[in-house]
């Protein structure tokens, strides 16, 4: 039987992988296996799962980022590069946009998409909990649908703040808590339709069952806002999108 979030709470050396309790050392490997498996079908599945809404959520994030010519931008867990591509076009030839991901399969897909779009961006496989960048380097840092997969979210948020310049902005786009009246239908969809789509389209039912579970284990809107403040960010606010199915959190490093 799987552990549920009510059955077991993670101890000092354990964490959640969906509804399972696993050793912290194993979570990164298990998450990597998920994304190695789904990388080739990632964009197709995003369109199917969200009925194309993920493009609207990302467009809102891009607008809120307000990237201007010459800015330095870090796209964490950038995957197939939707945000990086938009940021690069706004930052222009004098700017610098880094496409990063901890998963090399996802990063290769993103890098190839950038090349196809005529964009040669610096790319790096890196862990958001130990970013290989100097302090106060970036004007903007973004992470879209990646924070919930990180083992130590507080450490990752602190690292994101560390690499932001004074006045720089962090943007976190992530699944969140949907409005209560919609929750029963959303739960049914998540635990029935998503795994079925994963099996039929990506040939991987379990990875999409993990997706549904990982969303439920992710902090809600207010909790994540509090975590961002604890990481040293100011002017923290969030925007509920699609009735809270997704939320965009943002915070500023005031130095």
C-alpha atoms as a PDB file:
ATOM      1  CA  UNK A   1       0.000   0.000   0.000  1.00  0.00           C
ATOM      2  CA  UNK A   2       1.233   3.502  -0.797  1.00  0.00           C
ATOM      3  CA  UNK A   3       1.876   5.888   2.059  1.00  0.00           C
ATOM      4  CA  UNK A   4      -0.522   8.811   1.987  1.00  0.00           C
ATOM      5  CA  UNK A   5       0.374  12.256   3.322  1.00  0.00           C
ATOM      6  CA  UNK A   6      -1.701  11.408   6.412  1.00  0.00           C
ATOM      7  CA  UNK A   7      -0.013   8.054   6.969  1.00  0.00           C
ATOM      8  CA  UNK A   8       3.579   9.234   7.221  1.00  0.00           C
ATOM      9  CA  UNK A   9       5.381  12.517   7.624  1.00  0.00           C
ATOM     10  CA  UNK A  10       8.925  12.855   6.362  1.00  0.00           C
ATOM     11  CA  UNK A  11      11.659  12.664   8.958  1.00  0.00           C
ATOM     12  CA  UNK A  12      15.084  14.256   8.957  1.00  0.00           C
ATOM     13  CA  UNK A  13      16.353  12.074   6.104  1.00  0.00           C
ATOM     14  CA  UNK A  14      13.131  11.322   4.251  1.00  0.00           C
ATOM     15  CA  UNK A  15      10.868  13.303   1.959  1.00  0.00           C
ATOM     16  CA  UNK A  16       7.819  12.845  -0.207  1.00  0.00           C
ATOM     17  CA  UNK A  17       7.869  11.508  -3.762  1.00  0.00           C
ATOM     18  CA  UNK A  18       4.218  11.974  -4.577  1.00  0.00           C
ATOM     19  CA  UNK A  19       2.385  10.089  -1.821  1.00  0.00           C
ATOM     20  CA  UNK A  20       5.342   7.839  -1.082  1.00  0.00           C
ATOM     21  CA  UNK A  21       7.855   8.546   1.658  1.00  0.00           C
ATOM     22  CA  UNK A  22      11.389   8.013   0.343  1.00  0.00           C
ATOM     23  CA  UNK A  23      14.955   8.693   1.411  1.00  0.00           C
ATOM     24  CA  UNK A  24      16.027  12.198   0.465  1.00  0.00           C
ATOM     25  CA  UNK A  25      18.911  10.741  -1.524  1.00  0.00           C
ATOM     26  CA  UNK A  26      16.442   8.790  -3.678  1.00  0.00           C
ATOM     27  CA  UNK A  27      14.050  11.593  -4.565  1.00  0.00           C
ATOM     28  CA  UNK A  28      16.292  13.324  -7.117  1.00  0.00           C
ATOM     29  CA  UNK A  29      16.887   9.992  -8.860  1.00  0.00           C
ATOM     30  CA  UNK A  30      13.180   9.170  -8.962  1.00  0.00           C
ATOM     31  CA  UNK A  31      12.258  12.629 -10.296  1.00  0.00           C
ATOM     32  CA  UNK A  32      15.010  12.302 -12.909  1.00  0.00           C
ATOM     33  CA  UNK A  33      13.545   8.978 -14.055  1.00  0.00           C
ATOM     34  CA  UNK A  34      10.143  10.638 -14.482  1.00  0.00           C
ATOM     35  CA  UNK A  35      11.483  13.382 -16.723  1.00  0.00           C
ATOM     36  CA  UNK A  36      13.849  11.145 -18.686  1.00  0.00           C
ATOM     37  CA  UNK A  37      10.741   9.089 -19.472  1.00  0.00           C
ATOM     38  CA  UNK A  38       8.453  11.945 -20.531  1.00  0.00           C
ATOM     39  CA  UNK A  39      10.899  14.383 -22.183  1.00  0.00           C
ATOM     40  CA  UNK A  40      10.101  13.408 -25.786  1.00  0.00           C
ATOM     41  CA  UNK A  41       6.343  13.857 -25.295  1.00  0.00           C
ATOM     42  CA  UNK A  42       6.479  16.666 -22.756  1.00  0.00           C
ATOM     43  CA  UNK A  43       5.053  19.459 -24.909  1.00  0.00           C
ATOM     44  CA  UNK A  44       2.327  17.286 -26.433  1.00  0.00           C
ATOM     45  CA  UNK A  45       1.234  16.120 -22.995  1.00  0.00           C
ATOM     46  CA  UNK A  46       1.229  19.682 -21.636  1.00  0.00           C
ATOM     47  CA  UNK A  47      -1.163  20.747 -24.381  1.00  0.00           C
ATOM     48  CA  UNK A  48      -3.425  17.746 -23.833  1.00  0.00           C
ATOM     49  CA  UNK A  49      -3.446  17.897 -20.031  1.00  0.00           C
ATOM     50  CA  UNK A  50      -4.159  21.613 -19.805  1.00  0.00           C
ATOM     51  CA  UNK A  51      -6.191  22.013 -23.017  1.00  0.00           C
ATOM     52  CA  UNK A  52      -3.535  24.525 -24.051  1.00  0.00           C
ATOM     53  CA  UNK A  53      -3.931  26.646 -20.916  1.00  0.00           C
ATOM     54  CA  UNK A  54      -0.268  26.215 -19.978  1.00  0.00           C
ATOM     55  CA  UNK A  55       0.522  28.658 -22.789  1.00  0.00           C
ATOM     56  CA  UNK A  56      -1.760  31.268 -21.205  1.00  0.00           C
ATOM     57  CA  UNK A  57      -0.190  30.747 -17.763  1.00  0.00           C
ATOM     58  CA  UNK A  58       3.295  31.110 -19.223  1.00  0.00           C
ATOM     59  CA  UNK A  59       2.306  34.203 -21.217  1.00  0.00           C
ATOM     60  CA  UNK A  60       1.081  35.820 -17.998  1.00  0.00           C
ATOM     61  CA  UNK A  61       4.377  34.961 -16.308  1.00  0.00           C
ATOM     62  CA  UNK A  62       6.359  36.422 -19.197  1.00  0.00           C
ATOM     63  CA  UNK A  63       4.348  39.635 -18.957  1.00  0.00           C
ATOM     64  CA  UNK A  64       4.883  39.913 -15.197  1.00  0.00           C
ATOM     65  CA  UNK A  65       8.629  39.283 -15.631  1.00  0.00           C
ATOM     66  CA  UNK A  66       8.939  42.489 -17.657  1.00  0.00           C
ATOM     67  CA  UNK A  67      12.291  41.469 -19.103  1.00  0.00           C
ATOM     68  CA  UNK A  68      13.939  44.427 -20.843  1.00  0.00           C
ATOM     69  CA  UNK A  69      16.878  44.717 -23.260  1.00  0.00           C
ATOM     70  CA  UNK A  70      20.227  43.945 -21.655  1.00  0.00           C
ATOM     71  CA  UNK A  71      18.866  42.030 -18.671  1.00  0.00           C
ATOM     72  CA  UNK A  72      20.357  38.819 -17.305  1.00  0.00           C
ATOM     73  CA  UNK A  73      17.749  36.080 -16.756  1.00  0.00           C
ATOM     74  CA  UNK A  74      17.979  32.618 -15.207  1.00  0.00           C
ATOM     75  CA  UNK A  75      15.328  30.079 -16.229  1.00  0.00           C
ATOM     76  CA  UNK A  76      15.443  27.226 -13.673  1.00  0.00           C
ATOM     77  CA  UNK A  77      13.877  23.863 -14.560  1.00  0.00           C
ATOM     78  CA  UNK A  78      13.440  25.447 -17.961  1.00  0.00           C
ATOM     79  CA  UNK A  79      12.562  22.156 -19.620  1.00  0.00           C
ATOM     80  CA  UNK A  80      11.725  22.597 -23.268  1.00  0.00           C
ATOM     81  CA  UNK A  81      12.427  26.324 -23.148  1.00  0.00           C
ATOM     82  CA  UNK A  82       9.099  28.128 -23.534  1.00  0.00           C
ATOM     83  CA  UNK A  83      10.036  30.861 -21.062  1.00  0.00           C
ATOM     84  CA  UNK A  84      13.686  31.057 -22.109  1.00  0.00           C
ATOM     85  CA  UNK A  85      12.714  31.663 -25.714  1.00  0.00           C
ATOM     86  CA  UNK A  86      10.412  34.538 -24.798  1.00  0.00           C
ATOM     87  CA  UNK A  87      12.901  36.019 -22.334  1.00  0.00           C
ATOM     88  CA  UNK A  88      15.746  35.874 -24.883  1.00  0.00           C
ATOM     89  CA  UNK A  89      13.746  37.796 -27.449  1.00  0.00           C
ATOM     90  CA  UNK A  90      12.981  40.494 -24.887  1.00  0.00           C
ATOM     91  CA  UNK A  91      16.497  40.685 -23.451  1.00  0.00           C
ATOM     92  CA  UNK A  92      17.938  41.091 -26.943  1.00  0.00           C
ATOM     93  CA  UNK A  93      21.532  40.673 -28.095  1.00  0.00           C
ATOM     94  CA  UNK A  94      22.910  42.630 -25.136  1.00  0.00           C
ATOM     95  CA  UNK A  95      21.077  40.462 -22.608  1.00  0.00           C
ATOM     96  CA  UNK A  96      21.864  37.008 -21.309  1.00  0.00           C
ATOM     97  CA  UNK A  97      19.353  34.214 -20.727  1.00  0.00           C
ATOM     98  CA  UNK A  98      20.430  30.926 -19.164  1.00  0.00           C
ATOM     99  CA  UNK A  99      18.332  27.827 -19.836  1.00  0.00           C
ATOM    100  CA  UNK A 100      18.952  25.342 -17.018  1.00  0.00           C
ATOM    101  CA  UNK A 101      17.485  22.074 -15.821  1.00  0.00           C
ATOM    102  CA  UNK A 102      18.632  19.301 -13.512  1.00  0.00           C
ATOM    103  CA  UNK A 103      17.488  16.753 -16.111  1.00  0.00           C
ATOM    104  CA  UNK A 104      19.733  16.439 -19.157  1.00  0.00           C
ATOM    105  CA  UNK A 105      17.030  14.799 -21.302  1.00  0.00           C
ATOM    106  CA  UNK A 106      14.742  17.782 -20.833  1.00  0.00           C
ATOM    107  CA  UNK A 107      17.605  20.215 -21.357  1.00  0.00           C
ATOM    108  CA  UNK A 108      18.572  18.619 -24.662  1.00  0.00           C
ATOM    109  CA  UNK A 109      15.013  19.014 -25.931  1.00  0.00           C
ATOM    110  CA  UNK A 110      14.999  22.648 -24.836  1.00  0.00           C
ATOM    111  CA  UNK A 111      18.417  23.371 -26.340  1.00  0.00           C
ATOM    112  CA  UNK A 112      17.372  21.868 -29.690  1.00  0.00           C
ATOM    113  CA  UNK A 113      14.197  23.946 -29.689  1.00  0.00           C
ATOM    114  CA  UNK A 114      16.236  27.110 -29.065  1.00  0.00           C
ATOM    115  CA  UNK A 115      18.546  26.296 -31.966  1.00  0.00           C
ATOM    116  CA  UNK A 116      15.546  25.643 -34.215  1.00  0.00           C
ATOM    117  CA  UNK A 117      14.249  29.094 -33.228  1.00  0.00           C
ATOM    118  CA  UNK A 118      17.584  30.672 -34.110  1.00  0.00           C
ATOM    119  CA  UNK A 119      18.560  31.317 -30.492  1.00  0.00           C
ATOM    120  CA  UNK A 120      21.947  30.248 -29.128  1.00  0.00           C
ATOM    121  CA  UNK A 121      21.493  30.441 -25.363  1.00  0.00           C
ATOM    122  CA  UNK A 122      23.886  29.312 -22.654  1.00  0.00           C
ATOM    123  CA  UNK A 123      22.537  26.072 -21.170  1.00  0.00           C
ATOM    124  CA  UNK A 124      23.569  24.164 -18.069  1.00  0.00           C
ATOM    125  CA  UNK A 125      22.566  21.063 -16.149  1.00  0.00           C
ATOM    126  CA  UNK A 126      22.366  22.332 -12.602  1.00  0.00           C
ATOM    127  CA  UNK A 127      20.664  21.743  -9.272  1.00  0.00           C
ATOM    128  CA  UNK A 128      18.507  24.653  -8.096  1.00  0.00           C
ATOM    129  CA  UNK A 129      19.530  23.905  -4.508  1.00  0.00           C
ATOM    130  CA  UNK A 130      23.196  24.594  -5.411  1.00  0.00           C
ATOM    131  CA  UNK A 131      23.222  27.117  -8.237  1.00  0.00           C
ATOM    132  CA  UNK A 132      26.637  27.554  -9.917  1.00  0.00           C
ATOM    133  CA  UNK A 133      26.289  31.324 -10.330  1.00  0.00           C
ATOM    134  CA  UNK A 134      27.747  34.266  -8.387  1.00  0.00           C
ATOM    135  CA  UNK A 135      25.792  36.371  -5.934  1.00  0.00           C
ATOM    136  CA  UNK A 136      23.632  39.183  -7.318  1.00  0.00           C
ATOM    137  CA  UNK A 137      24.123  38.197 -10.961  1.00  0.00           C
ATOM    138  CA  UNK A 138      20.625  38.041 -12.463  1.00  0.00           C
ATOM    139  CA  UNK A 139      17.881  40.624 -12.937  1.00  0.00           C
ATOM    140  CA  UNK A 140      15.205  37.935 -13.139  1.00  0.00           C
ATOM    141  CA  UNK A 141      14.954  34.313 -12.013  1.00  0.00           C
ATOM    142  CA  UNK A 142      12.057  32.099 -13.066  1.00  0.00           C
ATOM    143  CA  UNK A 143      10.994  28.546 -12.275  1.00  0.00           C
ATOM    144  CA  UNK A 144       7.907  27.123 -13.971  1.00  0.00           C
ATOM    145  CA  UNK A 145       6.427  23.814 -12.801  1.00  0.00           C
ATOM    146  CA  UNK A 146       9.713  22.760 -11.232  1.00  0.00           C
ATOM    147  CA  UNK A 147       9.700  23.849  -7.602  1.00  0.00           C
ATOM    148  CA  UNK A 148       7.364  21.075  -6.453  1.00  0.00           C
ATOM    149  CA  UNK A 149       9.911  18.462  -7.599  1.00  0.00           C
ATOM    150  CA  UNK A 150      12.722  19.895  -5.473  1.00  0.00           C
ATOM    151  CA  UNK A 151      13.648  18.104  -2.257  1.00  0.00           C
ATOM    152  CA  UNK A 152      14.591  21.178  -0.211  1.00  0.00           C
ATOM    153  CA  UNK A 153      12.356  23.946  -1.499  1.00  0.00           C
ATOM    154  CA  UNK A 154      13.518  26.379   1.174  1.00  0.00           C
ATOM    155  CA  UNK A 155      17.141  25.906   0.130  1.00  0.00           C
ATOM    156  CA  UNK A 156      16.264  26.328  -3.549  1.00  0.00           C
ATOM    157  CA  UNK A 157      14.361  29.557  -2.842  1.00  0.00           C
ATOM    158  CA  UNK A 158      17.299  30.889  -0.828  1.00  0.00           C
ATOM    159  CA  UNK A 159      19.633  30.128  -3.733  1.00  0.00           C
ATOM    160  CA  UNK A 160      17.324  31.906  -6.163  1.00  0.00           C
ATOM    161  CA  UNK A 161      17.333  34.983  -3.935  1.00  0.00           C
ATOM    162  CA  UNK A 162      21.119  34.793  -3.596  1.00  0.00           C
ATOM    163  CA  UNK A 163      21.744  35.053  -7.344  1.00  0.00           C
ATOM    164  CA  UNK A 164      19.292  37.950  -7.794  1.00  0.00           C
ATOM    165  CA  UNK A 165      20.581  41.489  -8.004  1.00  0.00           C
ATOM    166  CA  UNK A 166      19.141  44.029  -5.566  1.00  0.00           C
ATOM    167  CA  UNK A 167      15.811  44.946  -7.101  1.00  0.00           C
ATOM    168  CA  UNK A 168      15.708  41.691  -9.066  1.00  0.00           C
ATOM    169  CA  UNK A 169      12.543  39.614  -9.224  1.00  0.00           C
ATOM    170  CA  UNK A 170      11.835  35.921  -8.706  1.00  0.00           C
ATOM    171  CA  UNK A 171       8.831  34.365 -10.459  1.00  0.00           C
ATOM    172  CA  UNK A 172       7.505  30.936  -9.442  1.00  0.00           C
ATOM    173  CA  UNK A 173       4.789  29.440 -11.653  1.00  0.00           C
ATOM    174  CA  UNK A 174       3.424  26.240 -10.150  1.00  0.00           C
ATOM    175  CA  UNK A 175       0.340  24.100  -9.668  1.00  0.00           C
ATOM    176  CA  UNK A 176      -1.458  25.125  -6.508  1.00  0.00           C
ATOM    177  CA  UNK A 177      -4.787  24.714  -4.648  1.00  0.00           C
ATOM    178  CA  UNK A 178      -7.824  24.949  -6.867  1.00  0.00           C
ATOM    179  CA  UNK A 179     -11.020  26.585  -5.584  1.00  0.00           C
ATOM    180  CA  UNK A 180     -12.868  24.172  -3.273  1.00  0.00           C
ATOM    181  CA  UNK A 181     -16.053  23.819  -5.383  1.00  0.00           C
ATOM    182  CA  UNK A 182     -13.925  22.538  -8.275  1.00  0.00           C
ATOM    183  CA  UNK A 183     -11.757  20.200  -6.204  1.00  0.00           C
ATOM    184  CA  UNK A 184     -13.820  16.965  -6.548  1.00  0.00           C
ATOM    185  CA  UNK A 185     -13.957  17.167 -10.340  1.00  0.00           C
ATOM    186  CA  UNK A 186     -10.286  18.124 -10.496  1.00  0.00           C
ATOM    187  CA  UNK A 187      -9.321  15.173  -8.294  1.00  0.00           C
ATOM    188  CA  UNK A 188     -11.263  12.775 -10.500  1.00  0.00           C
ATOM    189  CA  UNK A 189      -9.584  14.181 -13.612  1.00  0.00           C
ATOM    190  CA  UNK A 190      -6.129  14.088 -12.017  1.00  0.00           C
ATOM    191  CA  UNK A 191      -6.236  10.486 -10.837  1.00  0.00           C
ATOM    192  CA  UNK A 192      -8.170   8.997 -13.746  1.00  0.00           C
ATOM    193  CA  UNK A 193      -7.680  11.001 -16.930  1.00  0.00           C
ATOM    194  CA  UNK A 194      -4.051  12.104 -16.432  1.00  0.00           C
ATOM    195  CA  UNK A 195      -2.638   8.595 -15.916  1.00  0.00           C
ATOM    196  CA  UNK A 196      -4.724   7.336 -18.846  1.00  0.00           C
ATOM    197  CA  UNK A 197      -3.356  10.095 -21.107  1.00  0.00           C
ATOM    198  CA  UNK A 198       0.159   9.330 -19.899  1.00  0.00           C
ATOM    199  CA  UNK A 199      -0.266   5.681 -20.780  1.00  0.00           C
ATOM    200  CA  UNK A 200      -1.794   6.288 -24.211  1.00  0.00           C
ATOM    201  CA  UNK A 201       0.332   9.222 -25.376  1.00  0.00           C
ATOM    202  CA  UNK A 202       3.637   9.020 -23.500  1.00  0.00           C
ATOM    203  CA  UNK A 203       3.603   5.293 -22.717  1.00  0.00           C
ATOM    204  CA  UNK A 204       4.069   6.105 -19.041  1.00  0.00           C
ATOM    205  CA  UNK A 205       1.125   5.939 -16.666  1.00  0.00           C
ATOM    206  CA  UNK A 206       3.111   6.080 -13.435  1.00  0.00           C
ATOM    207  CA  UNK A 207       4.895   9.353 -14.201  1.00  0.00           C
ATOM    208  CA  UNK A 208       1.581  11.129 -14.644  1.00  0.00           C
ATOM    209  CA  UNK A 209       0.188   9.561 -11.495  1.00  0.00           C
ATOM    210  CA  UNK A 210       3.239  11.030  -9.736  1.00  0.00           C
ATOM    211  CA  UNK A 211       2.382  14.409 -11.298  1.00  0.00           C
ATOM    212  CA  UNK A 212      -1.084  14.335  -9.741  1.00  0.00           C
ATOM    213  CA  UNK A 213       0.320  13.299  -6.360  1.00  0.00           C
ATOM    214  CA  UNK A 214       3.149  15.840  -6.385  1.00  0.00           C
ATOM    215  CA  UNK A 215       0.663  18.664  -6.934  1.00  0.00           C
ATOM    216  CA  UNK A 216      -1.224  17.666  -3.774  1.00  0.00           C
ATOM    217  CA  UNK A 217       1.998  17.561  -1.757  1.00  0.00           C
ATOM    218  CA  UNK A 218       3.141  21.030  -2.895  1.00  0.00           C
ATOM    219  CA  UNK A 219       2.596  23.951  -0.492  1.00  0.00           C
ATOM    220  CA  UNK A 220      -0.572  25.976  -1.028  1.00  0.00           C
ATOM    221  CA  UNK A 221      -0.522  29.617  -2.095  1.00  0.00           C
ATOM    222  CA  UNK A 222      -0.162  31.213   1.339  1.00  0.00           C
ATOM    223  CA  UNK A 223       2.395  28.663   2.548  1.00  0.00           C
ATOM    224  CA  UNK A 224       4.618  29.182  -0.477  1.00  0.00           C
ATOM    225  CA  UNK A 225       4.361  32.951  -0.100  1.00  0.00           C
ATOM    226  CA  UNK A 226       5.555  32.541   3.489  1.00  0.00           C
ATOM    227  CA  UNK A 227       8.467  30.368   2.362  1.00  0.00           C
ATOM    228  CA  UNK A 228       9.534  33.055  -0.102  1.00  0.00           C
ATOM    229  CA  UNK A 229       9.508  35.673   2.647  1.00  0.00           C
ATOM    230  CA  UNK A 230      11.558  33.375   4.880  1.00  0.00           C
ATOM    231  CA  UNK A 231      14.077  33.053   2.035  1.00  0.00           C
ATOM    232  CA  UNK A 232      14.613  36.825   2.221  1.00  0.00           C
ATOM    233  CA  UNK A 233      12.334  38.022  -0.559  1.00  0.00           C
ATOM    234  CA  UNK A 234      10.169  41.114  -0.178  1.00  0.00           C
ATOM    235  CA  UNK A 235       6.985  42.388  -1.828  1.00  0.00           C
ATOM    236  CA  UNK A 236       5.826  38.799  -2.141  1.00  0.00           C
ATOM    237  CA  UNK A 237       2.473  38.366  -3.851  1.00  0.00           C
ATOM    238  CA  UNK A 238       0.679  35.707  -5.838  1.00  0.00           C
ATOM    239  CA  UNK A 239      -1.858  35.543  -8.634  1.00  0.00           C
ATOM    240  CA  UNK A 240      -4.331  32.681  -8.850  1.00  0.00           C
ATOM    241  CA  UNK A 241      -4.785  31.486 -12.419  1.00  0.00           C
ATOM    242  CA  UNK A 242      -7.621  29.234 -13.587  1.00  0.00           C
ATOM    243  CA  UNK A 243      -9.349  29.335 -10.187  1.00  0.00           C
ATOM    244  CA  UNK A 244      -6.144  28.480  -8.339  1.00  0.00           C
ATOM    245  CA  UNK A 245      -5.287  25.435 -10.425  1.00  0.00           C
ATOM    246  CA  UNK A 246      -2.017  27.303 -10.978  1.00  0.00           C
ATOM    247  CA  UNK A 247      -0.538  30.268  -9.130  1.00  0.00           C
ATOM    248  CA  UNK A 248       2.206  32.693 -10.057  1.00  0.00           C
ATOM    249  CA  UNK A 249       4.213  33.843  -7.045  1.00  0.00           C
ATOM    250  CA  UNK A 250       6.637  36.709  -7.291  1.00  0.00           C
ATOM    251  CA  UNK A 251       9.042  38.347  -4.889  1.00  0.00           C
ATOM    252  CA  UNK A 252      11.761  40.994  -5.027  1.00  0.00           C
ATOM    253  CA  UNK A 253      15.273  40.889  -3.589  1.00  0.00           C
ATOM    254  CA  UNK A 254      15.706  44.237  -1.861  1.00  0.00           C
ATOM    255  CA  UNK A 255      19.270  43.346  -0.911  1.00  0.00           C
END
